Amino acid sequence: MNVPRSSTCGIRHTIPLFGCLALLVSTGCREEPAAPVVGTGAFQFEDVTEASGIDLVTVSGTTPSTQILEVKGGGLALIDFDGDGDRDLLVPNGATLDAPDRGPGARLFRNDGELSFTDVTEASGIEHRRWSFGVTVGDIDADGHDDLYIACFGPDVLLRNRGDGTFEDVTEVSGINAPGWSTGAAFADLDGDGDLDLFVTRYLDFDPRDPPPPARFNGIEVLNGPRGLEPLADLVFENLGAGRFRRVEAPGAFSSIEPRFGLNLLVADFTGDGLVDVLVGNDSQENQLYRNEGDPRQPLRFTEVGLASGLGTNQDGAGQATMGLALSDVNDDGVPDVFSSNFSSDMNTMHVSAGEGLFDDRTRRYGLGLASRSSLGWASGFHDLDHDGDEDLVVFNGHVYPQATVDTMNSSYRQPPIVMERVGPRFEQVDVIGAMAEPHCDRSAVFDDLDGDGDIDIVVSELNGPVRILRNPVVAGDRWLTLRLLDARPEIGNRHAVGAQVRFRSGDWRAGRWVAAGGPFQSNWSPVMHVGLPEGGAVVEVEVRWPDGAIDTFTTPAGRHLVFERTEQGAALLPSE
């Protein structure tokens, strides 16, 4: 299928999107100059998987993949399930076409410090074997313990944390009923009542007993979809208290939840009004932005404004194959900007806030386009990897077609990550070596200071490959700060303050961070905010805007792990972790 697009220069070429969709996109005089490749000693991550205690090869169908159900891979979850202050790791894992509900099972790894983990799956009571994709974390019943929601092929699963290191399946008693193929999920307080509601993205109708026939792409037989298959509508569940949920039906609260190929989502304040909105990344279709109307008469009132906001398409008006999503304030206006990773021969996209809830495609201006043309991007994240005070960008890649080669599709099946360093007003591609230069068929990733040394480490999940731990070797003294928000008021389930915005300042330097829900791809963001500091940033002023609009400020020396707790008596720093 070819969809023509006009071009001011009359130069066009064909861009394949996931499935057998092809798109003609104008290029020529609007192309950005090639991003400089920077040789640097930073960003040289070390693969420490072998010594970490994590020994797991994920399952998602078989290799080579023959059906669309097999190619998404599975997510990762960072969760402090034992309440010791660091983030542990859940890998929900997948299954195979002949036994989609009897996979090898989820695995829970306890973080023992210094990038050392212990498999505690058996002791945790988690016996989850369904084919799993996305996963999200949140305290559903306000008991002070983080619970798990796993998006599956088949009914989704809700696991309640008992608080003693074990979990119980409470899906049925919770009132949640999510059949079909779910890809991603996010817990967030959508109606402003203090507890965590749930948004679930869903993909398409697929029957492994009667899979669709192959398609053809570039004259080559490939797996079929998503175009031509039946999309599924996303689901919204309101938390009624005590861990019980009620499905919210459209169009009463969420307008226009029409079926699309949903793959990922982010929940944050995209309009600057202090209310959380929901951005859904769709495959081969326009993205959807559900704007929170903040109606006190009907708190769950959202309007779909994806196309009107500019976040629905790229600058050519085309819906893309959105996989990864990441947030950063690249233009420093206090509103989160959105990066999406997309299909190969297309470009990744940088949507930048233009004020009043509008966004412009500024991919070329920031130098983020050409470096991605030969890559198929998945999990993405903005983080200050080299501690110079600004956020760099990492995108993990890998094709969906095992037949992909540079000769046949201008793209390899296994691909290395893309690392882009922020240099002044643009990003420049980093010429990495070591673990970050190795090609893989990666899908999901989570970012966190897992060893407590003040920098960002990465956990990566490869399609039918090993889960890898990548250690950041940056030595930056005290030029960093981490901050975790904790809302400890009674009956507050939104303990991590999803929807909060934090501003950091030291001298002339400033930075913004958000506590968002959703994730890099089928995973969750760490609740811990991290900033690197430029030279001389010894004291940092911090302003916290909580989800309900309350504002607190404090000043702290750099080089500390901070927990800022809110109680009924006010907010204060807890002793440094």
Protein backbone atom coordinates (compact mmCIF):
# COMPACT_ATOMS: atom_id res chain seq x y z
CA MET A 1 0.00 0.00 0.00
CA ASN A 2 1.45 3.38 -0.98
CA VAL A 3 0.18 6.63 0.45
CA PRO A 4 1.43 9.66 -1.53
CA ARG A 5 2.54 12.79 0.27
CA SER A 6 3.22 16.14 -1.29
CA SER A 7 6.70 17.59 -1.26
CA THR A 8 7.78 21.18 -1.63
CA CYS A 9 10.92 19.96 -3.40
CA GLY A 10 9.33 17.21 -5.49
CA ILE A 11 11.70 14.58 -4.08
CA ARG A 12 10.12 11.50 -2.55
CA HIS A 13 11.17 8.07 -1.38
CA THR A 14 9.43 5.05 0.09
CA ILE A 15 9.53 4.44 3.82
CA PRO A 16 8.35 1.06 5.12
CA LEU A 17 6.31 0.95 8.27
CA PHE A 18 5.61 -2.09 10.44
CA GLY A 19 3.63 -4.69 8.55
CA CYS A 20 3.39 -4.14 4.83
CA LEU A 21 2.50 -0.45 4.89
CA ALA A 22 4.66 1.85 2.80
CA LEU A 23 4.64 5.61 3.08
CA LEU A 24 5.96 8.22 0.69
CA VAL A 25 7.55 11.03 2.67
CA SER A 26 8.99 14.23 1.27
CA THR A 27 12.68 14.82 1.83
CA GLY A 28 15.17 16.76 -0.26
CA CYS A 29 15.70 20.36 0.79
CA ARG A 30 14.13 19.80 4.21
CA GLU A 31 16.70 17.19 5.26
CA GLU A 32 18.81 18.05 8.28
CA PRO A 33 22.61 18.03 8.02
CA ALA A 34 24.16 14.79 9.13
CA ALA A 35 24.64 14.68 12.90
CA PRO A 36 28.34 14.87 13.80
CA VAL A 37 29.73 11.71 15.34
CA VAL A 38 31.50 12.50 18.58
CA GLY A 39 34.35 10.35 19.85
CA THR A 40 34.31 10.42 23.64
CA GLY A 41 35.43 8.49 26.66
CA ALA A 42 31.97 8.85 28.22
CA PHE A 43 29.01 6.60 27.44
CA GLN A 44 31.18 3.46 27.44
CA PHE A 45 28.86 1.21 29.42
CA GLU A 46 30.18 -2.06 30.83
CA ASP A 47 28.18 -5.28 30.52
CA VAL A 48 28.19 -6.75 34.03
CA THR A 49 25.41 -9.29 33.50
CA GLU A 50 27.57 -12.34 34.18
CA ALA A 51 28.50 -11.16 37.66
CA SER A 52 25.10 -9.66 38.47
CA GLY A 53 23.23 -12.86 39.30
CA ILE A 54 20.71 -12.27 36.53
CA ASP A 55 20.81 -15.29 34.24
CA LEU A 56 17.73 -15.17 32.03
CA VAL A 57 17.07 -15.55 28.32
CA THR A 58 13.61 -14.21 27.55
CA VAL A 59 11.04 -16.10 25.50
CA SER A 60 8.77 -14.46 22.92
CA GLY A 61 7.80 -17.11 20.41
CA THR A 62 10.63 -18.72 18.49
CA THR A 63 13.53 -17.51 16.39
CA PRO A 64 13.13 -16.68 13.57
CA SER A 65 9.78 -15.00 14.22
CA THR A 66 6.95 -15.89 11.85
CA GLN A 67 3.99 -14.04 13.42
CA ILE A 68 3.43 -10.52 14.74
CA LEU A 69 2.69 -11.83 18.24
CA GLU A 70 6.31 -12.97 18.52
CA VAL A 71 8.18 -9.76 17.67
CA LYS A 72 7.29 -7.25 20.45
CA GLY A 73 9.31 -8.87 23.21
CA GLY A 74 8.46 -8.33 26.86
CA GLY A 75 8.77 -5.47 29.31
CA LEU A 76 10.70 -4.87 32.52
CA ALA A 77 9.57 -3.45 35.85
CA LEU A 78 11.53 -1.58 38.48
CA ILE A 79 9.81 -2.16 41.85
CA ASP A 80 10.97 -1.80 45.43
CA PHE A 81 8.93 -4.81 46.46
CA ASP A 82 10.76 -5.31 49.78
CA GLY A 83 10.78 -1.65 50.85
CA ASP A 84 14.55 -1.36 51.34
CA GLY A 85 14.92 1.78 49.22
CA ASP A 86 16.44 0.34 46.04
CA ARG A 87 14.71 -0.92 42.92
CA ASP A 88 14.33 -4.63 42.30
CA LEU A 89 13.59 -6.11 38.87
CA LEU A 90 10.62 -8.07 37.53
CA VAL A 91 10.82 -9.74 34.12
CA PRO A 92 7.27 -10.90 33.20
CA ASN A 93 8.54 -13.01 30.25
CA GLY A 94 6.61 -14.49 27.34
CA ALA A 95 5.56 -17.78 25.82
CA THR A 96 5.21 -19.51 22.44
CA LEU A 97 2.51 -19.81 19.81
CA ASP A 98 1.73 -23.44 20.65
CA ALA A 99 1.33 -22.68 24.39
CA PRO A 100 0.62 -18.94 24.84
CA ASP A 101 -0.53 -19.34 28.46
CA ARG A 102 2.20 -21.76 29.56
CA GLY A 103 5.50 -19.92 29.18
CA PRO A 104 8.62 -20.42 31.31
CA GLY A 105 7.31 -17.89 33.81
CA ALA A 106 7.98 -14.44 35.25
CA ARG A 107 11.15 -13.87 37.30
CA LEU A 108 11.65 -11.52 40.25
CA PHE A 109 15.21 -10.45 41.13
CA ARG A 110 16.00 -8.74 44.45
CA ASN A 111 18.54 -5.92 44.30
CA ASP A 112 21.28 -6.69 46.85
CA GLY A 113 23.37 -3.63 46.02
CA GLU A 114 26.45 -3.04 43.87
CA LEU A 115 24.63 -4.50 40.83
CA SER A 116 24.19 -7.85 42.50
CA PHE A 117 20.78 -9.57 42.29
CA THR A 118 19.17 -12.69 43.73
CA ASP A 119 16.36 -14.64 42.06
CA VAL A 120 13.53 -14.67 44.62
CA THR A 121 10.73 -15.76 42.30
CA GLU A 122 9.88 -18.93 44.16
CA ALA A 123 9.80 -17.24 47.56
CA SER A 124 7.67 -14.37 46.19
CA GLY A 125 4.78 -16.66 45.29
CA ILE A 126 4.65 -15.27 41.73
CA GLU A 127 3.53 -18.07 39.42
CA HIS A 128 2.80 -16.08 36.30
CA ARG A 129 3.30 -17.98 33.02
CA ARG A 130 1.04 -16.11 30.59
CA TRP A 131 2.55 -14.46 27.48
CA SER A 132 3.37 -11.01 28.84
CA PHE A 133 4.23 -7.65 27.33
CA GLY A 134 3.96 -4.42 29.33
CA VAL A 135 4.12 -4.02 33.08
CA THR A 136 3.44 -1.18 35.51
CA VAL A 137 3.93 -0.60 39.24
CA GLY A 138 1.78 1.20 41.81
CA ASP A 139 0.15 0.97 45.23
CA ILE A 140 -3.42 0.06 44.28
CA ASP A 141 -4.83 -0.12 47.82
CA ALA A 142 -2.79 2.59 49.62
CA ASP A 143 -1.24 0.10 52.04
CA GLY A 144 2.31 1.40 51.45
CA HIS A 145 3.45 -1.47 49.20
CA ASP A 146 3.92 -1.38 45.42
CA ASP A 147 1.81 -3.82 43.40
CA LEU A 148 2.21 -5.11 39.83
CA TYR A 149 -0.01 -5.06 36.76
CA ILE A 150 1.07 -7.23 33.81
CA ALA A 151 -0.33 -6.64 30.31
CA CYS A 152 -0.73 -9.98 28.55
CA PHE A 153 -1.87 -11.81 25.49
CA GLY A 154 -5.02 -13.07 27.09
CA PRO A 155 -6.46 -11.69 30.32
CA ASP A 156 -4.15 -9.26 32.12
CA VAL A 157 -2.99 -9.97 35.67
CA LEU A 158 -2.95 -7.84 38.84
CA LEU A 159 -0.57 -8.98 41.60
CA ARG A 160 -0.96 -7.48 45.07
CA ASN A 161 2.11 -7.06 47.26
CA ARG A 162 1.31 -8.50 50.68
CA GLY A 163 4.19 -6.56 52.26
CA ASP A 164 6.03 -9.67 53.43
CA GLY A 165 7.94 -10.31 50.21
CA THR A 166 5.11 -12.24 48.57
CA PHE A 167 2.41 -11.45 46.01
CA GLU A 168 -1.13 -12.71 45.43
CA ASP A 169 -3.19 -12.70 42.23
CA VAL A 170 -6.16 -10.36 42.86
CA THR A 171 -7.23 -9.88 39.25
CA GLU A 172 -10.69 -11.37 39.66
CA VAL A 173 -11.62 -9.73 42.97
CA SER A 174 -10.28 -6.34 41.82
CA GLY A 175 -12.94 -5.99 39.14
CA ILE A 176 -10.41 -5.70 36.33
CA ASN A 177 -11.31 -7.57 33.16
CA ALA A 178 -8.85 -6.98 30.31
CA PRO A 179 -9.09 -9.71 27.66
CA GLY A 180 -7.35 -9.66 24.29
CA TRP A 181 -3.82 -8.49 23.60
CA SER A 182 -2.63 -5.74 25.95
CA THR A 183 0.76 -4.14 25.29
CA GLY A 184 1.29 -1.44 27.90
CA ALA A 185 -0.20 -0.08 31.11
CA ALA A 186 0.19 2.81 33.53
CA PHE A 187 -1.03 3.54 37.04
CA ALA A 188 -1.82 7.24 37.60
CA ASP A 189 -4.29 9.35 39.55
CA LEU A 190 -6.43 10.35 36.58
CA ASP A 191 -9.33 11.84 38.57
CA GLY A 192 -7.36 13.63 41.29
CA ASP A 193 -8.75 11.73 44.28
CA GLY A 194 -5.40 10.42 45.51
CA ASP A 195 -5.63 6.78 44.44
CA LEU A 196 -4.25 5.13 41.32
CA ASP A 197 -6.42 4.55 38.27
CA LEU A 198 -5.28 2.37 35.38
CA PHE A 199 -4.88 2.95 31.63
CA VAL A 200 -4.18 -0.08 29.41
CA THR A 201 -3.08 0.07 25.77
CA ARG A 202 -4.13 -2.78 23.51
CA TYR A 203 -2.90 -3.86 20.10
CA LEU A 204 -4.88 -6.16 17.79
CA ASP A 205 -7.00 -9.27 17.52
CA PHE A 206 -4.80 -12.33 16.98
CA ASP A 207 -5.59 -16.03 17.11
CA PRO A 208 -2.48 -18.25 17.32
CA ARG A 209 -4.62 -21.19 16.19
CA ASP A 210 -5.50 -19.35 12.98
CA PRO A 211 -2.69 -16.85 12.26
CA PRO A 212 -2.82 -14.59 9.21
CA PRO A 213 -0.91 -15.63 6.09
CA PRO A 214 2.45 -14.01 5.32
CA ALA A 215 2.70 -10.66 3.59
CA ARG A 216 5.29 -9.39 1.13
CA PHE A 217 7.64 -6.49 1.73
CA ASN A 218 10.23 -5.35 -0.81
CA GLY A 219 9.45 -8.53 -2.68
CA ILE A 220 10.28 -10.67 0.37
CA GLU A 221 7.84 -12.84 2.29
CA VAL A 222 7.49 -11.46 5.85
CA LEU A 223 5.15 -11.77 8.82
CA ASN A 224 1.81 -10.00 8.50
CA GLY A 225 0.47 -6.97 10.38
CA PRO A 226 -0.57 -4.73 11.90
CA ARG A 227 -2.24 -3.29 8.81
CA GLY A 228 -5.04 -5.51 7.65
CA LEU A 229 -5.65 -6.94 11.13
CA GLU A 230 -8.33 -5.81 13.59
CA PRO A 231 -7.18 -3.20 16.16
CA LEU A 232 -8.38 -3.21 19.77
CA ALA A 233 -9.58 -0.26 21.86
CA ASP A 234 -7.61 0.79 24.94
CA LEU A 235 -9.14 0.33 28.41
CA VAL A 236 -9.50 2.67 31.40
CA PHE A 237 -10.24 1.54 34.97
CA GLU A 238 -11.20 3.85 37.84
CA ASN A 239 -9.92 2.94 41.30
CA LEU A 240 -12.88 2.78 43.68
CA GLY A 241 -10.72 2.32 46.77
CA ALA A 242 -9.36 -0.72 48.61
CA GLY A 243 -7.88 -2.04 45.38
CA ARG A 244 -11.19 -2.39 43.53
CA PHE A 245 -11.70 -1.01 40.02
CA ARG A 246 -14.52 -0.11 37.64
CA ARG A 247 -14.12 0.06 33.88
CA VAL A 248 -14.70 3.56 32.51
CA GLU A 249 -16.76 3.47 29.33
CA ALA A 250 -16.32 5.88 26.43
CA PRO A 251 -17.64 8.32 25.41
CA GLY A 252 -18.83 9.31 28.88
CA ALA A 253 -15.43 10.12 30.38
CA PHE A 254 -12.79 9.48 27.70
CA SER A 255 -13.87 10.75 24.31
CA SER A 256 -13.04 8.82 21.14
CA ILE A 257 -11.25 5.76 22.48
CA GLU A 258 -11.41 4.25 19.04
CA PRO A 259 -9.56 1.02 18.30
CA ARG A 260 -5.97 1.57 17.21
CA PHE A 261 -2.74 -0.39 17.34
CA GLY A 262 -1.61 0.81 20.79
CA LEU A 263 1.97 -0.01 21.79
CA ASN A 264 3.06 2.39 24.51
CA LEU A 265 1.91 5.29 26.67
CA LEU A 266 3.07 8.16 28.84
CA VAL A 267 1.08 9.91 31.58
CA ALA A 268 2.27 13.43 32.44
CA ASP A 269 1.12 17.04 32.28
CA PHE A 270 1.57 17.85 28.58
CA THR A 271 -0.50 21.04 28.63
CA GLY A 272 1.04 22.88 31.60
CA ASP A 273 -2.25 23.14 33.52
CA GLY A 274 -1.17 20.96 36.44
CA LEU A 275 -3.34 17.99 35.40
CA VAL A 276 -2.07 14.66 34.08
CA ASP A 277 -2.81 13.81 30.45
CA VAL A 278 -2.41 10.48 28.63
CA LEU A 279 -0.35 10.08 25.45
CA VAL A 280 -0.78 6.79 23.57
CA GLY A 281 1.81 5.75 20.99
CA ASN A 282 0.24 3.74 18.16
CA ASP A 283 1.75 1.50 15.52
CA SER A 284 1.35 2.76 11.92
CA GLN A 285 -1.39 5.19 12.97
CA GLU A 286 -1.72 8.62 14.53
CA ASN A 287 -0.89 8.86 18.23
CA GLN A 288 -3.62 9.89 20.68
CA LEU A 289 -3.39 12.56 23.38
CA TYR A 290 -6.14 12.51 25.98
CA ARG A 291 -6.28 15.98 27.53
CA ASN A 292 -7.49 16.15 31.13
CA GLU A 293 -10.34 18.65 31.28
CA GLY A 294 -10.23 18.90 35.08
CA ASP A 295 -14.00 19.06 35.41
CA PRO A 296 -14.84 18.89 39.15
CA ARG A 297 -18.37 17.69 38.30
CA GLN A 298 -16.90 14.73 36.40
CA PRO A 299 -13.22 14.30 37.31
CA LEU A 300 -12.67 11.57 34.71
CA ARG A 301 -13.29 13.86 31.74
CA PHE A 302 -10.69 13.61 28.99
CA THR A 303 -10.81 14.81 25.37
CA GLU A 304 -8.74 13.26 22.55
CA VAL A 305 -6.63 16.01 20.91
CA GLY A 306 -3.76 14.10 19.30
CA LEU A 307 -3.98 15.67 15.86
CA ALA A 308 -4.94 19.12 17.17
CA SER A 309 -2.00 19.16 19.59
CA GLY A 310 0.59 18.17 16.98
CA LEU A 311 1.57 15.00 18.86
CA GLY A 312 -0.51 12.76 16.61
CA THR A 313 1.76 12.86 13.56
CA ASN A 314 5.17 14.00 12.34
CA GLN A 315 5.66 17.23 10.41
CA ASP A 316 4.56 15.54 7.17
CA GLY A 317 1.19 14.76 8.72
CA ALA A 318 1.95 11.04 8.83
CA GLY A 319 1.18 8.64 11.63
CA GLN A 320 4.28 6.66 12.48
CA ALA A 321 5.07 3.30 14.05
CA THR A 322 5.60 4.63 17.57
CA MET A 323 7.39 2.23 19.89
CA GLY A 324 9.59 4.03 22.42
CA LEU A 325 8.53 7.22 24.23
CA ALA A 326 10.73 9.55 26.28
CA LEU A 327 10.36 12.92 28.02
CA SER A 328 12.76 15.85 28.32
CA ASP A 329 12.48 19.62 28.45
CA VAL A 330 14.80 20.23 25.49
CA ASN A 331 13.74 23.86 25.03
CA ASP A 332 13.65 24.65 28.77
CA ASP A 333 10.12 26.07 28.84
CA GLY A 334 8.88 24.00 31.78
CA VAL A 335 6.67 21.72 29.65
CA PRO A 336 7.74 18.15 28.78
CA ASP A 337 8.78 17.53 25.19
CA VAL A 338 8.20 14.09 23.65
CA PHE A 339 10.60 11.86 21.73
CA SER A 340 9.33 8.78 19.89
CA SER A 341 11.34 5.98 18.30
CA ASN A 342 9.95 4.58 15.09
CA PHE A 343 10.35 2.10 12.23
CA SER A 344 13.47 1.82 10.09
CA SER A 345 13.80 4.03 6.98
CA ASP A 346 11.59 6.50 8.83
CA MET A 347 13.02 8.94 11.37
CA ASN A 348 12.63 9.07 15.12
CA THR A 349 10.65 12.16 16.08
CA MET A 350 11.17 15.01 18.55
CA HIS A 351 7.97 16.91 19.38
CA VAL A 352 8.75 20.16 21.19
CA SER A 353 6.29 22.22 23.19
CA ALA A 354 5.12 25.40 21.45
CA GLY A 355 2.89 26.63 24.30
CA GLU A 356 -0.85 26.37 24.99
CA GLY A 357 -0.78 22.59 24.72
CA LEU A 358 0.65 22.58 21.18
CA PHE A 359 3.72 20.74 19.88
CA ASP A 360 5.91 21.09 16.79
CA ASP A 361 8.06 18.44 15.10
CA ARG A 362 11.58 19.78 15.66
CA THR A 363 13.46 16.56 14.89
CA ARG A 364 15.76 18.11 12.32
CA ARG A 365 16.47 21.23 14.37
CA TYR A 366 17.78 19.07 17.22
CA GLY A 367 19.78 16.75 14.95
CA LEU A 368 17.82 13.63 15.86
CA GLY A 369 16.62 12.44 12.47
CA LEU A 370 19.24 11.06 10.11
CA ALA A 371 21.05 8.99 12.73
CA SER A 372 17.94 6.84 13.07
CA ARG A 373 17.10 6.11 9.43
CA SER A 374 18.65 2.65 9.31
CA SER A 375 17.49 1.69 12.82
CA LEU A 376 14.17 0.39 14.14
CA GLY A 377 13.82 1.97 17.57
CA TRP A 378 12.20 0.66 20.74
CA ALA A 379 12.97 1.66 24.35
CA SER A 380 14.22 5.24 24.62
CA GLY A 381 15.30 7.50 27.46
CA PHE A 382 16.70 10.96 28.18
CA HIS A 383 19.27 10.86 30.99
CA ASP A 384 22.40 12.81 31.88
CA LEU A 385 24.83 9.97 31.24
CA ASP A 386 28.04 12.04 31.43
CA HIS A 387 27.06 14.42 34.28
CA ASP A 388 27.54 17.69 32.41
CA GLY A 389 24.15 19.12 33.39
CA ASP A 390 22.05 18.25 30.33
CA GLU A 391 20.18 15.12 29.25
CA ASP A 392 21.55 12.78 26.60
CA LEU A 393 19.45 10.27 24.65
CA VAL A 394 19.68 6.48 24.31
CA VAL A 395 17.59 4.45 21.86
CA PHE A 396 17.68 0.63 21.77
CA ASN A 397 17.06 -0.97 18.39
CA GLY A 398 16.34 -4.19 16.52
CA HIS A 399 14.28 -5.15 13.48
CA VAL A 400 11.04 -7.13 13.43
CA TYR A 401 11.77 -8.97 10.19
CA PRO A 402 14.40 -11.72 10.54
CA GLN A 403 14.94 -11.32 6.79
CA ALA A 404 16.18 -7.74 7.23
CA THR A 405 19.60 -6.96 5.78
CA VAL A 406 21.19 -3.75 4.55
CA ASP A 407 20.78 -5.01 0.97
CA THR A 408 17.13 -6.07 1.28
CA MET A 409 15.70 -3.44 3.65
CA ASN A 410 18.48 -0.88 4.20
CA SER A 411 18.55 -2.14 7.77
CA SER A 412 20.06 -5.04 9.71
CA TYR A 413 18.09 -7.43 11.91
CA ARG A 414 20.39 -6.93 14.91
CA GLN A 415 21.29 -3.31 15.56
CA PRO A 416 23.39 -1.39 18.09
CA PRO A 417 21.85 1.30 20.31
CA ILE A 418 21.98 4.93 19.26
CA VAL A 419 23.54 7.30 21.80
CA MET A 420 23.06 11.02 21.22
CA GLU A 421 24.94 13.53 23.38
CA ARG A 422 23.39 16.93 24.06
CA VAL A 423 25.88 19.51 22.82
CA GLY A 424 24.55 23.05 23.07
CA PRO A 425 21.28 23.45 21.16
CA ARG A 426 21.53 20.09 19.34
CA PHE A 427 22.27 16.42 19.84
CA GLU A 428 25.32 14.73 18.34
CA GLN A 429 25.74 11.01 17.80
CA VAL A 430 28.35 9.41 20.02
CA ASP A 431 30.80 6.92 18.55
CA VAL A 432 30.48 4.33 21.31
CA ILE A 433 32.59 1.25 21.95
CA GLY A 434 32.17 -1.80 24.16
CA ALA A 435 28.75 -2.96 25.33
CA MET A 436 26.86 -0.04 23.77
CA ALA A 437 28.33 -0.75 20.34
CA GLU A 438 27.21 -4.38 20.13
CA PRO A 439 24.26 -5.20 17.82
CA HIS A 440 21.25 -6.89 19.40
CA CYS A 441 17.56 -7.34 18.73
CA ASP A 442 16.62 -5.21 21.75
CA ARG A 443 13.14 -4.22 22.83
CA SER A 444 12.68 -2.99 26.42
CA ALA A 445 14.95 -1.11 28.81
CA VAL A 446 14.75 0.59 32.20
CA PHE A 447 17.06 3.29 33.55
CA ASP A 448 18.07 3.73 37.19
CA ASP A 449 21.01 4.20 39.54
CA LEU A 450 20.94 0.54 40.49
CA ASP A 451 24.25 0.46 42.35
CA GLY A 452 23.81 3.74 44.25
CA ASP A 453 26.95 5.42 42.90
CA GLY A 454 25.11 8.46 41.53
CA ASP A 455 24.93 7.65 37.81
CA ILE A 456 22.37 5.97 35.56
CA ASP A 457 22.70 2.25 34.83
CA ILE A 458 20.54 0.37 32.31
CA VAL A 459 18.75 -2.99 32.20
CA VAL A 460 17.96 -4.18 28.65
CA SER A 461 15.73 -7.01 27.44
CA GLU A 462 16.45 -8.54 24.06
CA LEU A 463 13.94 -10.41 21.92
CA ASN A 464 14.58 -14.10 22.67
CA GLY A 465 17.87 -13.05 24.16
CA PRO A 466 19.49 -12.41 27.53
CA VAL A 467 18.48 -9.68 29.95
CA ARG A 468 21.60 -7.48 30.21
CA ILE A 469 22.87 -5.19 32.97
CA LEU A 470 24.87 -2.23 31.67
CA ARG A 471 26.92 -0.37 34.25
CA ASN A 472 27.70 3.31 33.80
CA PRO A 473 31.39 3.87 34.64
CA VAL A 474 31.17 7.66 34.89
CA VAL A 475 33.16 9.10 37.78
CA ALA A 476 31.75 12.54 38.49
CA GLY A 477 32.49 13.13 42.17
CA ASP A 478 29.56 14.96 43.71
CA ARG A 479 28.18 16.33 40.42
CA TRP A 480 24.85 14.56 40.70
CA LEU A 481 21.66 14.35 42.74
CA THR A 482 18.83 11.82 42.97
CA LEU A 483 15.39 12.56 44.38
CA ARG A 484 12.48 10.28 45.22
CA LEU A 485 9.15 11.80 46.20
CA LEU A 486 7.04 10.02 48.81
CA ASP A 487 3.47 11.05 49.58
CA ALA A 488 2.88 9.32 52.92
CA ARG A 489 -0.45 10.92 53.76
CA PRO A 490 -3.16 8.43 54.79
CA GLU A 491 -5.23 6.84 52.02
CA ILE A 492 -2.95 8.16 49.27
CA GLY A 493 -2.19 5.44 46.74
CA ASN A 494 -0.23 7.79 44.49
CA ARG A 495 2.74 7.48 46.85
CA HIS A 496 5.35 8.17 44.15
CA ALA A 497 3.54 11.39 43.18
CA VAL A 498 2.98 10.53 39.52
CA GLY A 499 2.22 13.85 37.85
CA ALA A 500 4.64 15.86 39.97
CA GLN A 501 7.08 18.31 38.39
CA VAL A 502 10.45 19.17 39.92
CA ARG A 503 12.74 22.08 39.02
CA PHE A 504 16.42 22.03 39.95
CA ARG A 505 18.66 25.12 40.00
CA SER A 506 22.33 25.75 40.79
CA GLY A 507 23.73 29.13 39.81
CA ASP A 508 22.90 29.70 36.13
CA TRP A 509 22.08 26.02 35.57
CA ARG A 510 18.56 24.68 35.79
CA ALA A 511 16.74 21.49 34.84
CA GLY A 512 13.23 20.06 34.94
CA ARG A 513 12.09 16.54 35.69
CA TRP A 514 8.68 14.84 35.83
CA VAL A 515 7.35 11.84 37.70
CA ALA A 516 5.64 10.12 34.77
CA ALA A 517 3.75 6.86 34.33
CA GLY A 518 4.10 4.58 31.35
CA GLY A 519 7.60 3.89 30.19
CA PRO A 520 10.41 3.64 27.66
CA PHE A 521 8.65 0.67 26.01
CA GLN A 522 6.34 -1.81 27.75
CA SER A 523 8.12 -0.98 31.01
CA ASN A 524 7.96 1.59 33.81
CA TRP A 525 9.97 4.68 34.57
CA SER A 526 11.95 4.67 37.79
CA PRO A 527 10.28 6.80 40.49
CA VAL A 528 13.71 8.26 41.22
CA MET A 529 14.68 11.49 39.43
CA HIS A 530 18.34 11.94 38.55
CA VAL A 531 20.28 15.04 37.53
CA GLY A 532 23.89 15.50 36.63
CA LEU A 533 25.46 18.83 37.46
CA PRO A 534 27.92 21.02 35.55
CA GLU A 535 31.24 22.01 37.09
CA GLY A 536 30.74 24.11 40.22
CA GLY A 537 27.25 22.84 40.99
CA ALA A 538 27.82 22.22 44.71
CA VAL A 539 24.47 23.43 46.11
CA VAL A 540 21.12 22.79 44.45
CA GLU A 541 17.80 24.58 44.94
CA VAL A 542 14.82 22.28 44.40
CA GLU A 543 11.18 23.17 43.79
CA VAL A 544 8.57 20.39 43.93
CA ARG A 545 5.10 20.86 42.52
CA TRP A 546 3.00 17.97 43.79
CA PRO A 547 0.18 16.51 41.65
CA ASP A 548 -2.45 18.53 43.55
CA GLY A 549 -0.58 21.79 42.88
CA ALA A 550 1.02 22.24 46.30
CA ILE A 551 4.58 23.58 46.07
CA ASP A 552 7.51 22.91 48.39
CA THR A 553 11.13 24.08 48.11
CA PHE A 554 14.42 23.13 49.73
CA THR A 555 18.15 23.51 49.24
CA THR A 556 20.66 20.66 49.39
CA PRO A 557 24.31 19.90 48.78
CA ALA A 558 24.99 17.89 45.62
CA GLY A 559 26.09 14.26 45.64
CA ARG A 560 23.19 12.92 47.72
CA HIS A 561 20.36 10.42 47.38
CA LEU A 562 17.29 12.26 48.69
CA VAL A 563 13.79 11.23 49.74
CA PHE A 564 11.34 14.10 50.09
CA GLU A 565 8.35 12.97 52.16
CA ARG A 566 4.97 14.64 52.36
CA THR A 567 2.78 14.03 55.42
CA GLU A 568 -0.27 15.76 56.87
CA GLN A 569 2.13 17.94 58.87
CA GLY A 570 4.01 19.11 55.76
CA ALA A 571 6.96 17.99 53.62
CA ALA A 572 10.55 17.37 54.68
CA LEU A 573 13.70 15.56 53.62
CA LEU A 574 14.25 12.15 55.13
CA PRO A 575 17.78 11.19 56.17
CA SER A 576 19.94 10.58 53.11
CA GLU A 577 19.81 7.01 51.79
